[in-house]
Amino acid sequence: MQPGILLVFGVLTGLGYVVSVWTLVLYAIPIATISVILGMIQFWLLDRRYQKKETAAR
């Protein structure tokens, strides 16, 4: 389990909210998946930009 999930769980519990760690995990999984996909797209675009600069320099 990620420390961030436990931190959020501790804060919400401390504020009086009734939450489950597994509920927080279920919300975190899609967010993490989207973050990885966006990162892949950004690195792909960056790679394309560097390849264009490399071919233009030759």
PDB file of N, CA and C in Angstrom:
ATOM      1  N   MET A   1       0.840  -1.178   0.000  1.00  0.00           N
ATOM      2  CA  MET A   1       0.000   0.000   0.000  1.00  0.00           C
ATOM      3  C   MET A   1       0.884   1.240   0.000  1.00  0.00           C
ATOM      4  N   GLN A   2       0.463   2.245  -0.685  1.00  0.00           N
ATOM      5  CA  GLN A   2       1.250   3.466  -0.787  1.00  0.00           C
ATOM      6  C   GLN A   2       1.099   4.316   0.465  1.00  0.00           C
ATOM      7  N   PRO A   3       2.182   4.962   0.867  1.00  0.00           N
ATOM      8  CA  PRO A   3       2.110   5.820   2.055  1.00  0.00           C
ATOM      9  C   PRO A   3       1.119   6.974   1.885  1.00  0.00           C
ATOM     10  N   GLY A   4       0.952   7.445   0.649  1.00  0.00           N
ATOM     11  CA  GLY A   4       0.008   8.538   0.407  1.00  0.00           C
ATOM     12  C   GLY A   4      -1.422   8.150   0.745  1.00  0.00           C
ATOM     13  N   ILE A   5      -1.784   6.924   0.422  1.00  0.00           N
ATOM     14  CA  ILE A   5      -3.127   6.433   0.739  1.00  0.00           C
ATOM     15  C   ILE A   5      -3.330   6.409   2.252  1.00  0.00           C
ATOM     16  N   LEU A   6      -2.308   5.929   2.958  1.00  0.00           N
ATOM     17  CA  LEU A   6      -2.415   5.875   4.418  1.00  0.00           C
ATOM     18  C   LEU A   6      -2.463   7.268   5.025  1.00  0.00           C
ATOM     19  N   LEU A   7      -1.748   8.212   4.418  1.00  0.00           N
ATOM     20  CA  LEU A   7      -1.789   9.590   4.898  1.00  0.00           C
ATOM     21  C   LEU A   7      -3.185  10.184   4.724  1.00  0.00           C
ATOM     22  N   VAL A   8      -3.756  10.002   3.543  1.00  0.00           N
ATOM     23  CA  VAL A   8      -5.111  10.498   3.296  1.00  0.00           C
ATOM     24  C   VAL A   8      -6.101   9.830   4.233  1.00  0.00           C
ATOM     25  N   PHE A   9      -5.954   8.524   4.424  1.00  0.00           N
ATOM     26  CA  PHE A   9      -6.828   7.795   5.334  1.00  0.00           C
ATOM     27  C   PHE A   9      -6.729   8.360   6.758  1.00  0.00           C
ATOM     28  N   GLY A  10      -5.509   8.600   7.217  1.00  0.00           N
ATOM     29  CA  GLY A  10      -5.311   9.133   8.561  1.00  0.00           C
ATOM     30  C   GLY A  10      -5.905  10.521   8.735  1.00  0.00           C
ATOM     31  N   VAL A  11      -5.740  11.361   7.731  1.00  0.00           N
ATOM     32  CA  VAL A  11      -6.279  12.722   7.816  1.00  0.00           C
ATOM     33  C   VAL A  11      -7.800  12.690   7.815  1.00  0.00           C
ATOM     34  N   LEU A  12      -8.385  11.924   6.895  1.00  0.00           N
ATOM     35  CA  LEU A  12      -9.845  11.866   6.827  1.00  0.00           C
ATOM     36  C   LEU A  12     -10.442  11.260   8.088  1.00  0.00           C
ATOM     37  N   THR A  13      -9.794  10.224   8.604  1.00  0.00           N
ATOM     38  CA  THR A  13     -10.269   9.618   9.849  1.00  0.00           C
ATOM     39  C   THR A  13     -10.146  10.604  10.998  1.00  0.00           C
ATOM     40  N   GLY A  14      -9.058  11.338  11.027  1.00  0.00           N
ATOM     41  CA  GLY A  14      -8.862  12.340  12.066  1.00  0.00           C
ATOM     42  C   GLY A  14      -9.883  13.461  12.013  1.00  0.00           C
ATOM     43  N   LEU A  15     -10.362  13.748  10.816  1.00  0.00           N
ATOM     44  CA  LEU A  15     -11.387  14.781  10.661  1.00  0.00           C
ATOM     45  C   LEU A  15     -12.793  14.254  10.930  1.00  0.00           C
ATOM     46  N   GLY A  16     -12.912  12.964  11.204  1.00  0.00           N
ATOM     47  CA  GLY A  16     -14.206  12.401  11.558  1.00  0.00           C
ATOM     48  C   GLY A  16     -14.937  11.707  10.428  1.00  0.00           C
ATOM     49  N   TYR A  17     -14.322  11.591   9.263  1.00  0.00           N
ATOM     50  CA  TYR A  17     -14.964  10.899   8.147  1.00  0.00           C
ATOM     51  C   TYR A  17     -14.776   9.394   8.309  1.00  0.00           C
ATOM     52  N   VAL A  18     -15.786   8.657   7.926  1.00  0.00           N
ATOM     53  CA  VAL A  18     -15.699   7.201   7.954  1.00  0.00           C
ATOM     54  C   VAL A  18     -15.345   6.745   6.544  1.00  0.00           C
ATOM     55  N   VAL A  19     -14.106   6.304   6.378  1.00  0.00           N
ATOM     56  CA  VAL A  19     -13.634   5.851   5.067  1.00  0.00           C
ATOM     57  C   VAL A  19     -12.925   4.517   5.233  1.00  0.00           C
ATOM     58  N   SER A  20     -12.845   3.795   4.152  1.00  0.00           N
ATOM     59  CA  SER A  20     -12.122   2.538   4.110  1.00  0.00           C
ATOM     60  C   SER A  20     -10.861   2.746   3.282  1.00  0.00           C
ATOM     61  N   VAL A  21      -9.787   2.096   3.685  1.00  0.00           N
ATOM     62  CA  VAL A  21      -8.549   2.190   2.916  1.00  0.00           C
ATOM     63  C   VAL A  21      -8.767   1.650   1.504  1.00  0.00           C
ATOM     64  N   TRP A  22      -9.538   0.584   1.402  1.00  0.00           N
ATOM     65  CA  TRP A  22      -9.766  -0.032   0.093  1.00  0.00           C
ATOM     66  C   TRP A  22     -10.605   0.857  -0.808  1.00  0.00           C
ATOM     67  N   THR A  23     -11.484   1.670  -0.235  1.00  0.00           N
ATOM     68  CA  THR A  23     -12.243   2.630  -1.042  1.00  0.00           C
ATOM     69  C   THR A  23     -11.303   3.679  -1.625  1.00  0.00           C
ATOM     70  N   LEU A  24     -10.368   4.133  -0.797  1.00  0.00           N
ATOM     71  CA  LEU A  24      -9.384   5.099  -1.287  1.00  0.00           C
ATOM     72  C   LEU A  24      -8.507   4.487  -2.373  1.00  0.00           C
ATOM     73  N   VAL A  25      -8.138   3.223  -2.203  1.00  0.00           N
ATOM     74  CA  VAL A  25      -7.329   2.540  -3.216  1.00  0.00           C
ATOM     75  C   VAL A  25      -8.094   2.442  -4.530  1.00  0.00           C
ATOM     76  N   LEU A  26      -9.398   2.155  -4.456  1.00  0.00           N
ATOM     77  CA  LEU A  26     -10.197   2.052  -5.676  1.00  0.00           C
ATOM     78  C   LEU A  26     -10.263   3.384  -6.425  1.00  0.00           C
ATOM     79  N   TYR A  27     -10.222   4.500  -5.696  1.00  0.00           N
ATOM     80  CA  TYR A  27     -10.198   5.806  -6.344  1.00  0.00           C
ATOM     81  C   TYR A  27      -8.805   6.148  -6.855  1.00  0.00           C
ATOM     82  N   ALA A  28      -7.776   5.625  -6.224  1.00  0.00           N
ATOM     83  CA  ALA A  28      -6.399   5.953  -6.605  1.00  0.00           C
ATOM     84  C   ALA A  28      -5.953   5.198  -7.858  1.00  0.00           C
ATOM     85  N   ILE A  29      -6.483   4.007  -8.084  1.00  0.00           N
ATOM     86  CA  ILE A  29      -6.044   3.195  -9.225  1.00  0.00           C
ATOM     87  C   ILE A  29      -6.315   3.886 -10.564  1.00  0.00           C
ATOM     88  N   PRO A  30      -7.515   4.405 -10.827  1.00  0.00           N
ATOM     89  CA  PRO A  30      -7.729   5.084 -12.112  1.00  0.00           C
ATOM     90  C   PRO A  30      -6.875   6.350 -12.254  1.00  0.00           C
ATOM     91  N   ILE A  31      -6.668   7.064 -11.160  1.00  0.00           N
ATOM     92  CA  ILE A  31      -5.858   8.280 -11.213  1.00  0.00           C
ATOM     93  C   ILE A  31      -4.415   7.929 -11.565  1.00  0.00           C
ATOM     94  N   ALA A  32      -3.884   6.884 -10.959  1.00  0.00           N
ATOM     95  CA  ALA A  32      -2.518   6.453 -11.257  1.00  0.00           C
ATOM     96  C   ALA A  32      -2.399   5.964 -12.694  1.00  0.00           C
ATOM     97  N   THR A  33      -3.399   5.257 -13.167  1.00  0.00           N
ATOM     98  CA  THR A  33      -3.387   4.754 -14.541  1.00  0.00           C
ATOM     99  C   THR A  33      -3.385   5.907 -15.538  1.00  0.00           C
ATOM    100  N   ILE A  34      -4.235   6.884 -15.311  1.00  0.00           N
ATOM    101  CA  ILE A  34      -4.286   8.051 -16.196  1.00  0.00           C
ATOM    102  C   ILE A  34      -2.968   8.816 -16.162  1.00  0.00           C
ATOM    103  N   SER A  35      -2.360   8.921 -14.991  1.00  0.00           N
ATOM    104  CA  SER A  35      -1.076   9.612 -14.864  1.00  0.00           C
ATOM    105  C   SER A  35       0.013   8.914 -15.675  1.00  0.00           C
ATOM    106  N   VAL A  36       0.033   7.593 -15.632  1.00  0.00           N
ATOM    107  CA  VAL A  36       1.033   6.839 -16.396  1.00  0.00           C
ATOM    108  C   VAL A  36       0.805   7.026 -17.892  1.00  0.00           C
ATOM    109  N   ILE A  37      -0.436   6.982 -18.326  1.00  0.00           N
ATOM    110  CA  ILE A  37      -0.745   7.153 -19.751  1.00  0.00           C
ATOM    111  C   ILE A  37      -0.347   8.555 -20.220  1.00  0.00           C
ATOM    112  N   LEU A  38      -0.664   9.576 -19.434  1.00  0.00           N
ATOM    113  CA  LEU A  38      -0.271  10.934 -19.808  1.00  0.00           C
ATOM    114  C   LEU A  38       1.246  11.092 -19.845  1.00  0.00           C
ATOM    115  N   GLY A  39       1.944  10.459 -18.917  1.00  0.00           N
ATOM    116  CA  GLY A  39       3.401  10.496 -18.931  1.00  0.00           C
ATOM    117  C   GLY A  39       3.971   9.836 -20.173  1.00  0.00           C
ATOM    118  N   MET A  40       3.384   8.715 -20.572  1.00  0.00           N
ATOM    119  CA  MET A  40       3.829   8.034 -21.792  1.00  0.00           C
ATOM    120  C   MET A  40       3.645   8.923 -23.008  1.00  0.00           C
ATOM    121  N   ILE A  41       2.520   9.602 -23.079  1.00  0.00           N
ATOM    122  CA  ILE A  41       2.247  10.493 -24.206  1.00  0.00           C
ATOM    123  C   ILE A  41       3.242  11.649 -24.224  1.00  0.00           C
ATOM    124  N   GLN A  42       3.517  12.234 -23.055  1.00  0.00           N
ATOM    125  CA  GLN A  42       4.461  13.346 -22.996  1.00  0.00           C
ATOM    126  C   GLN A  42       5.862  12.915 -23.425  1.00  0.00           C
ATOM    127  N   PHE A  43       6.335  11.776 -22.952  1.00  0.00           N
ATOM    128  CA  PHE A  43       7.656  11.306 -23.350  1.00  0.00           C
ATOM    129  C   PHE A  43       7.703  10.934 -24.821  1.00  0.00           C
ATOM    130  N   TRP A  44       6.615  10.401 -25.352  1.00  0.00           N
ATOM    131  CA  TRP A  44       6.553  10.082 -26.778  1.00  0.00           C
ATOM    132  C   TRP A  44       6.670  11.351 -27.608  1.00  0.00           C
ATOM    133  N   LEU A  45       5.929  12.404 -27.207  1.00  0.00           N
ATOM    134  CA  LEU A  45       6.010  13.677 -27.928  1.00  0.00           C
ATOM    135  C   LEU A  45       7.394  14.300 -27.805  1.00  0.00           C
ATOM    136  N   LEU A  46       8.003  14.218 -26.634  1.00  0.00           N
ATOM    137  CA  LEU A  46       9.345  14.740 -26.439  1.00  0.00           C
ATOM    138  C   LEU A  46      10.349  13.990 -27.306  1.00  0.00           C
ATOM    139  N   ASP A  47      10.211  12.677 -27.393  1.00  0.00           N
ATOM    140  CA  ASP A  47      11.091  11.869 -28.225  1.00  0.00           C
ATOM    141  C   ASP A  47      10.953  12.256 -29.692  1.00  0.00           C
ATOM    142  N   ARG A  48       9.741  12.485 -30.136  1.00  0.00           N
ATOM    143  CA  ARG A  48       9.525  12.907 -31.528  1.00  0.00           C
ATOM    144  C   ARG A  48      10.191  14.242 -31.797  1.00  0.00           C
ATOM    145  N   ARG A  49      10.096  15.163 -30.834  1.00  0.00           N
ATOM    146  CA  ARG A  49      10.706  16.477 -30.995  1.00  0.00           C
ATOM    147  C   ARG A  49      12.222  16.357 -31.114  1.00  0.00           C
ATOM    148  N   TYR A  50      12.833  15.523 -30.274  1.00  0.00           N
ATOM    149  CA  TYR A  50      14.287  15.333 -30.330  1.00  0.00           C
ATOM    150  C   TYR A  50      14.703  14.634 -31.626  1.00  0.00           C
ATOM    151  N   GLN A  51      13.898  13.716 -32.109  1.00  0.00           N
ATOM    152  CA  GLN A  51      14.229  13.047 -33.366  1.00  0.00           C
ATOM    153  C   GLN A  51      14.170  14.026 -34.532  1.00  0.00           C
ATOM    154  N   LYS A  52      13.211  14.954 -34.518  1.00  0.00           N
ATOM    155  CA  LYS A  52      13.131  15.963 -35.583  1.00  0.00           C
ATOM    156  C   LYS A  52      14.331  16.890 -35.554  1.00  0.00           C
ATOM    157  N   LYS A  53      14.756  17.286 -34.325  1.00  0.00           N
ATOM    158  CA  LYS A  53      15.934  18.154 -34.216  1.00  0.00           C
ATOM    159  C   LYS A  53      17.187  17.428 -34.670  1.00  0.00           C
ATOM    160  N   GLU A  54      17.283  16.133 -34.383  1.00  0.00           N
ATOM    161  CA  GLU A  54      18.460  15.359 -34.771  1.00  0.00           C
ATOM    162  C   GLU A  54      18.555  15.221 -36.283  1.00  0.00           C
ATOM    163  N   THR A  55      17.431  14.937 -36.921  1.00  0.00           N
ATOM    164  CA  THR A  55      17.453  14.797 -38.388  1.00  0.00           C
ATOM    165  C   THR A  55      17.675  16.136 -39.062  1.00  0.00           C
ATOM    166  N   ALA A  56      17.219  17.232 -38.456  1.00  0.00           N
ATOM    167  CA  ALA A  56      17.443  18.560 -39.035  1.00  0.00           C
ATOM    168  C   ALA A  56      18.900  18.984 -38.887  1.00  0.00           C
ATOM    169  N   ALA A  57      19.579  18.500 -37.852  1.00  0.00           N
ATOM    170  CA  ALA A  57      20.969  18.876 -37.624  1.00  0.00           C
ATOM    171  C   ALA A  57      21.912  18.145 -38.580  1.00  0.00           C
ATOM    172  N   ARG A  58      21.477  17.063 -39.137  1.00  0.00           N
ATOM    173  CA  ARG A  58      22.343  16.286 -40.061  1.00  0.00           C
ATOM    174  C   ARG A  58      22.352  16.913 -41.386  1.00  0.00           C
TER     175      ARG A  58
END
